[in-house]
Amino acid sequence: MCVLLASGKAYAGYSLSNNSSPHFMGIPRLKMAADAPSRSSLKLDEAFGVFLTKEEQETRCRSGLNSVDLGACPGGWTYQLVRRGMMVAAIDNDPMTLN
């Protein structure tokens, strides 16, 4: 990779093949569930997959845990938490989509 900063100024870089993302262009492509209230649900789903190991997901995102979604409208993040079996207190000034 080469980044051109200005006339006569550039940075060259490389990445080892064993230190790269397995996803095309480095981004996992997630499919939105038909019953999800918004695309924001994909952002939380992606964050769980990127920032938490499988073991951490099983510990921190499991059925029976309590969570709070502040600024919950339209309900995409609440959807992801409820889908994982968590009890969610969803709080917002605007009405949310309920399925």
N, C-alpha and C. Protein backbone atom coordinates (compact mmCIF):
# COMPACT_ATOMS: atom_id res chain seq x y z
N MET A 1 0.85 -1.16 0.00
CA MET A 1 0.00 0.00 0.00
C MET A 1 0.90 1.23 0.00
N CYS A 2 0.43 2.26 -0.68
CA CYS A 2 1.17 3.50 -0.74
C CYS A 2 0.19 4.65 -0.51
N VAL A 3 0.53 5.56 0.42
CA VAL A 3 -0.30 6.73 0.70
C VAL A 3 0.47 7.96 0.25
N LEU A 4 -0.10 8.71 -0.70
CA LEU A 4 0.53 9.93 -1.20
C LEU A 4 0.03 11.10 -0.37
N LEU A 5 0.94 11.75 0.34
CA LEU A 5 0.58 12.85 1.22
C LEU A 5 0.69 14.21 0.54
N ALA A 6 1.69 14.37 -0.27
CA ALA A 6 1.92 15.64 -0.97
C ALA A 6 2.89 15.37 -2.11
N SER A 7 3.14 16.37 -2.90
CA SER A 7 4.10 16.21 -3.99
C SER A 7 5.46 15.83 -3.42
N GLY A 8 5.93 14.68 -3.77
CA GLY A 8 7.24 14.23 -3.30
C GLY A 8 7.22 13.60 -1.92
N LYS A 9 6.05 13.37 -1.33
CA LYS A 9 5.97 12.78 0.01
C LYS A 9 4.95 11.65 0.02
N ALA A 10 5.43 10.46 0.36
CA ALA A 10 4.55 9.28 0.38
C ALA A 10 5.00 8.32 1.46
N TYR A 11 4.07 7.50 1.93
CA TYR A 11 4.38 6.44 2.87
C TYR A 11 4.03 5.11 2.23
N ALA A 12 4.91 4.15 2.36
CA ALA A 12 4.65 2.80 1.86
C ALA A 12 4.47 1.88 3.06
N GLY A 13 3.55 0.95 2.93
CA GLY A 13 3.30 0.03 4.03
C GLY A 13 2.95 -1.35 3.51
N TYR A 14 2.99 -2.32 4.40
CA TYR A 14 2.64 -3.69 4.02
C TYR A 14 2.02 -4.38 5.23
N SER A 15 1.38 -5.48 4.96
CA SER A 15 0.79 -6.30 6.02
C SER A 15 1.10 -7.75 5.74
N LEU A 16 1.48 -8.47 6.77
CA LEU A 16 1.75 -9.89 6.62
C LEU A 16 0.43 -10.63 6.40
N SER A 17 0.46 -11.66 5.58
CA SER A 17 -0.76 -12.37 5.23
C SER A 17 -1.42 -13.04 6.45
N ASN A 18 -0.65 -13.40 7.47
CA ASN A 18 -1.23 -14.03 8.66
C ASN A 18 -1.77 -13.00 9.65
N ASN A 19 -1.67 -11.71 9.29
CA ASN A 19 -2.13 -10.64 10.17
C ASN A 19 -3.17 -9.77 9.46
N SER A 20 -4.08 -10.43 8.76
CA SER A 20 -5.09 -9.67 8.02
C SER A 20 -6.48 -10.21 8.32
N SER A 21 -7.47 -9.45 7.95
CA SER A 21 -8.85 -9.84 8.19
C SER A 21 -9.27 -10.96 7.24
N PRO A 22 -10.05 -11.91 7.72
CA PRO A 22 -10.54 -12.96 6.83
C PRO A 22 -11.70 -12.48 5.95
N HIS A 23 -12.19 -11.27 6.20
CA HIS A 23 -13.34 -10.73 5.47
C HIS A 23 -12.89 -9.90 4.27
N PHE A 24 -13.68 -9.92 3.21
CA PHE A 24 -13.41 -9.12 2.03
C PHE A 24 -13.34 -7.65 2.41
N MET A 25 -12.30 -6.97 2.02
CA MET A 25 -12.06 -5.55 2.34
C MET A 25 -11.98 -5.31 3.85
N GLY A 26 -11.80 -6.37 4.65
CA GLY A 26 -11.62 -6.25 6.08
C GLY A 26 -12.89 -6.05 6.88
N ILE A 27 -14.05 -6.11 6.22
CA ILE A 27 -15.31 -5.82 6.89
C ILE A 27 -16.24 -7.03 6.79
N PRO A 28 -16.75 -7.52 7.94
CA PRO A 28 -17.73 -8.61 7.85
C PRO A 28 -19.04 -8.09 7.27
N ARG A 29 -19.60 -8.81 6.33
CA ARG A 29 -20.87 -8.42 5.72
C ARG A 29 -21.99 -9.13 6.46
N LEU A 30 -22.80 -8.38 7.18
CA LEU A 30 -23.88 -8.94 7.96
C LEU A 30 -25.20 -8.69 7.24
N LYS A 31 -26.11 -9.63 7.38
CA LYS A 31 -27.43 -9.49 6.76
C LYS A 31 -28.43 -9.09 7.83
N MET A 32 -29.20 -8.06 7.54
CA MET A 32 -30.18 -7.56 8.50
C MET A 32 -31.37 -8.51 8.56
N ALA A 33 -31.78 -8.84 9.76
CA ALA A 33 -32.96 -9.67 9.96
C ALA A 33 -34.21 -8.91 9.50
N ALA A 34 -35.15 -9.63 8.92
CA ALA A 34 -36.37 -9.00 8.39
C ALA A 34 -37.18 -8.30 9.47
N ASP A 35 -37.13 -8.81 10.70
CA ASP A 35 -37.93 -8.21 11.77
C ASP A 35 -37.17 -7.17 12.60
N ALA A 36 -35.93 -6.86 12.24
CA ALA A 36 -35.15 -5.85 12.96
C ALA A 36 -35.73 -4.47 12.68
N PRO A 37 -35.86 -3.62 13.71
CA PRO A 37 -36.47 -2.30 13.51
C PRO A 37 -35.60 -1.29 12.78
N SER A 38 -34.27 -1.52 12.73
CA SER A 38 -33.39 -0.56 12.06
C SER A 38 -32.06 -1.23 11.73
N ARG A 39 -31.29 -0.57 10.85
CA ARG A 39 -29.97 -1.08 10.49
C ARG A 39 -28.97 -0.96 11.64
N SER A 40 -29.29 -0.13 12.63
CA SER A 40 -28.36 0.03 13.76
C SER A 40 -28.17 -1.28 14.51
N SER A 41 -29.11 -2.20 14.37
CA SER A 41 -28.95 -3.50 15.03
C SER A 41 -27.71 -4.22 14.49
N LEU A 42 -27.38 -3.99 13.22
CA LEU A 42 -26.19 -4.62 12.64
C LEU A 42 -24.91 -4.07 13.26
N LYS A 43 -24.92 -2.80 13.66
CA LYS A 43 -23.72 -2.21 14.25
C LYS A 43 -23.37 -2.88 15.57
N LEU A 44 -24.37 -3.16 16.39
CA LEU A 44 -24.10 -3.82 17.66
C LEU A 44 -23.73 -5.28 17.43
N ASP A 45 -24.37 -5.92 16.46
CA ASP A 45 -24.04 -7.31 16.12
C ASP A 45 -22.59 -7.41 15.67
N GLU A 46 -22.16 -6.45 14.83
CA GLU A 46 -20.78 -6.43 14.37
C GLU A 46 -19.82 -6.16 15.52
N ALA A 47 -20.17 -5.25 16.42
CA ALA A 47 -19.31 -4.93 17.56
C ALA A 47 -19.11 -6.15 18.45
N PHE A 48 -20.18 -6.91 18.69
CA PHE A 48 -20.03 -8.14 19.49
C PHE A 48 -19.04 -9.09 18.82
N GLY A 49 -19.14 -9.23 17.50
CA GLY A 49 -18.26 -10.15 16.78
C GLY A 49 -16.83 -9.70 16.70
N VAL A 50 -16.60 -8.38 16.64
CA VAL A 50 -15.24 -7.85 16.47
C VAL A 50 -14.52 -7.68 17.81
N PHE A 51 -15.23 -7.15 18.81
CA PHE A 51 -14.57 -6.79 20.06
C PHE A 51 -14.61 -7.86 21.14
N LEU A 52 -15.48 -8.85 21.00
CA LEU A 52 -15.58 -9.91 22.01
C LEU A 52 -15.22 -11.26 21.41
N THR A 53 -14.44 -12.04 22.15
CA THR A 53 -14.18 -13.40 21.71
C THR A 53 -15.46 -14.23 21.89
N LYS A 54 -15.47 -15.42 21.34
CA LYS A 54 -16.64 -16.29 21.51
C LYS A 54 -16.92 -16.56 22.99
N GLU A 55 -15.86 -16.75 23.77
CA GLU A 55 -16.03 -16.99 25.21
C GLU A 55 -16.62 -15.77 25.91
N GLU A 56 -16.14 -14.58 25.55
CA GLU A 56 -16.67 -13.35 26.15
C GLU A 56 -18.13 -13.13 25.74
N GLN A 57 -18.47 -13.47 24.50
CA GLN A 57 -19.86 -13.34 24.06
C GLN A 57 -20.77 -14.25 24.88
N GLU A 58 -20.32 -15.46 25.15
CA GLU A 58 -21.12 -16.41 25.93
C GLU A 58 -21.29 -15.93 27.37
N THR A 59 -20.29 -15.23 27.90
CA THR A 59 -20.35 -14.75 29.28
C THR A 59 -21.12 -13.44 29.40
N ARG A 60 -20.88 -12.50 28.49
CA ARG A 60 -21.42 -11.15 28.62
C ARG A 60 -22.74 -10.91 27.86
N CYS A 61 -23.07 -11.76 26.92
CA CYS A 61 -24.27 -11.57 26.09
C CYS A 61 -25.15 -12.80 26.14
N ARG A 62 -25.50 -13.22 27.33
CA ARG A 62 -26.26 -14.46 27.45
C ARG A 62 -27.63 -14.21 28.06
N SER A 63 -28.45 -15.19 27.92
CA SER A 63 -29.81 -15.14 28.44
C SER A 63 -29.80 -14.94 29.95
N GLY A 64 -30.73 -14.11 30.43
CA GLY A 64 -30.87 -13.89 31.85
C GLY A 64 -30.17 -12.66 32.39
N LEU A 65 -29.27 -12.06 31.61
CA LEU A 65 -28.59 -10.85 32.07
C LEU A 65 -29.47 -9.64 31.85
N ASN A 66 -29.23 -8.58 32.61
CA ASN A 66 -29.97 -7.33 32.48
C ASN A 66 -29.12 -6.30 31.75
N SER A 67 -29.77 -5.46 30.95
CA SER A 67 -29.05 -4.40 30.24
C SER A 67 -29.95 -3.17 30.13
N VAL A 68 -29.32 -2.03 29.84
CA VAL A 68 -30.05 -0.78 29.66
C VAL A 68 -29.64 -0.20 28.31
N ASP A 69 -30.61 0.20 27.51
CA ASP A 69 -30.36 0.85 26.24
C ASP A 69 -30.85 2.29 26.35
N LEU A 70 -29.91 3.21 26.59
CA LEU A 70 -30.25 4.64 26.73
C LEU A 70 -30.24 5.28 25.36
N GLY A 71 -31.30 5.98 25.02
CA GLY A 71 -31.44 6.55 23.68
C GLY A 71 -31.81 5.44 22.71
N ALA A 72 -32.77 4.62 23.10
CA ALA A 72 -33.06 3.35 22.43
C ALA A 72 -33.81 3.46 21.10
N CYS A 73 -34.39 4.60 20.79
CA CYS A 73 -35.19 4.72 19.57
C CYS A 73 -34.29 4.59 18.35
N PRO A 74 -34.62 3.84 17.34
CA PRO A 74 -35.86 3.12 17.07
C PRO A 74 -35.89 1.69 17.58
N GLY A 75 -34.87 1.25 18.30
CA GLY A 75 -34.93 -0.06 18.93
C GLY A 75 -34.01 -1.12 18.36
N GLY A 76 -33.06 -0.75 17.50
CA GLY A 76 -32.16 -1.72 16.88
C GLY A 76 -31.25 -2.42 17.87
N TRP A 77 -30.69 -1.67 18.82
CA TRP A 77 -29.80 -2.28 19.80
C TRP A 77 -30.60 -3.11 20.79
N THR A 78 -31.76 -2.62 21.17
CA THR A 78 -32.64 -3.39 22.06
C THR A 78 -32.98 -4.72 21.40
N TYR A 79 -33.25 -4.68 20.10
CA TYR A 79 -33.56 -5.90 19.35
C TYR A 79 -32.43 -6.92 19.48
N GLN A 80 -31.17 -6.47 19.32
CA GLN A 80 -30.03 -7.38 19.41
C GLN A 80 -29.90 -7.98 20.81
N LEU A 81 -30.11 -7.18 21.83
CA LEU A 81 -29.97 -7.67 23.20
C LEU A 81 -31.08 -8.65 23.55
N VAL A 82 -32.31 -8.32 23.15
CA VAL A 82 -33.44 -9.22 23.42
C VAL A 82 -33.26 -10.53 22.64
N ARG A 83 -32.75 -10.43 21.43
CA ARG A 83 -32.51 -11.63 20.60
C ARG A 83 -31.55 -12.59 21.29
N ARG A 84 -30.67 -12.05 22.11
CA ARG A 84 -29.72 -12.88 22.85
C ARG A 84 -30.27 -13.33 24.20
N GLY A 85 -31.52 -13.01 24.48
CA GLY A 85 -32.17 -13.47 25.70
C GLY A 85 -32.00 -12.57 26.90
N MET A 86 -31.49 -11.37 26.68
CA MET A 86 -31.25 -10.44 27.79
C MET A 86 -32.53 -9.67 28.12
N MET A 87 -32.67 -9.27 29.37
CA MET A 87 -33.75 -8.39 29.80
C MET A 87 -33.26 -6.97 29.59
N VAL A 88 -34.03 -6.15 28.85
CA VAL A 88 -33.59 -4.82 28.46
C VAL A 88 -34.55 -3.76 28.97
N ALA A 89 -34.00 -2.73 29.62
CA ALA A 89 -34.75 -1.53 29.94
C ALA A 89 -34.39 -0.53 28.85
N ALA A 90 -35.33 -0.28 27.91
CA ALA A 90 -35.09 0.61 26.78
C ALA A 90 -35.70 1.97 27.08
N ILE A 91 -34.87 3.01 27.04
CA ILE A 91 -35.31 4.35 27.43
C ILE A 91 -35.02 5.34 26.30
N ASP A 92 -36.07 6.10 25.91
CA ASP A 92 -35.91 7.15 24.90
C ASP A 92 -37.08 8.10 24.98
N ASN A 93 -36.91 9.32 24.45
CA ASN A 93 -37.99 10.29 24.39
C ASN A 93 -38.96 10.00 23.25
N ASP A 94 -38.46 9.36 22.17
CA ASP A 94 -39.28 9.07 21.00
C ASP A 94 -39.90 7.68 21.10
N PRO A 95 -41.02 7.47 20.41
CA PRO A 95 -41.62 6.13 20.41
C PRO A 95 -40.75 5.14 19.65
N MET A 96 -40.74 3.89 20.10
CA MET A 96 -39.94 2.84 19.47
C MET A 96 -40.84 1.88 18.71
N THR A 97 -40.23 1.21 17.71
CA THR A 97 -40.95 0.18 16.97
C THR A 97 -41.01 -1.07 17.81
N LEU A 98 -42.20 -1.60 18.02
CA LEU A 98 -42.37 -2.83 18.78
C LEU A 98 -42.85 -3.92 17.85
N ASN A 99 -42.15 -5.03 17.84
CA ASN A 99 -42.53 -6.17 16.99
C ASN A 99 -43.08 -7.29 17.85
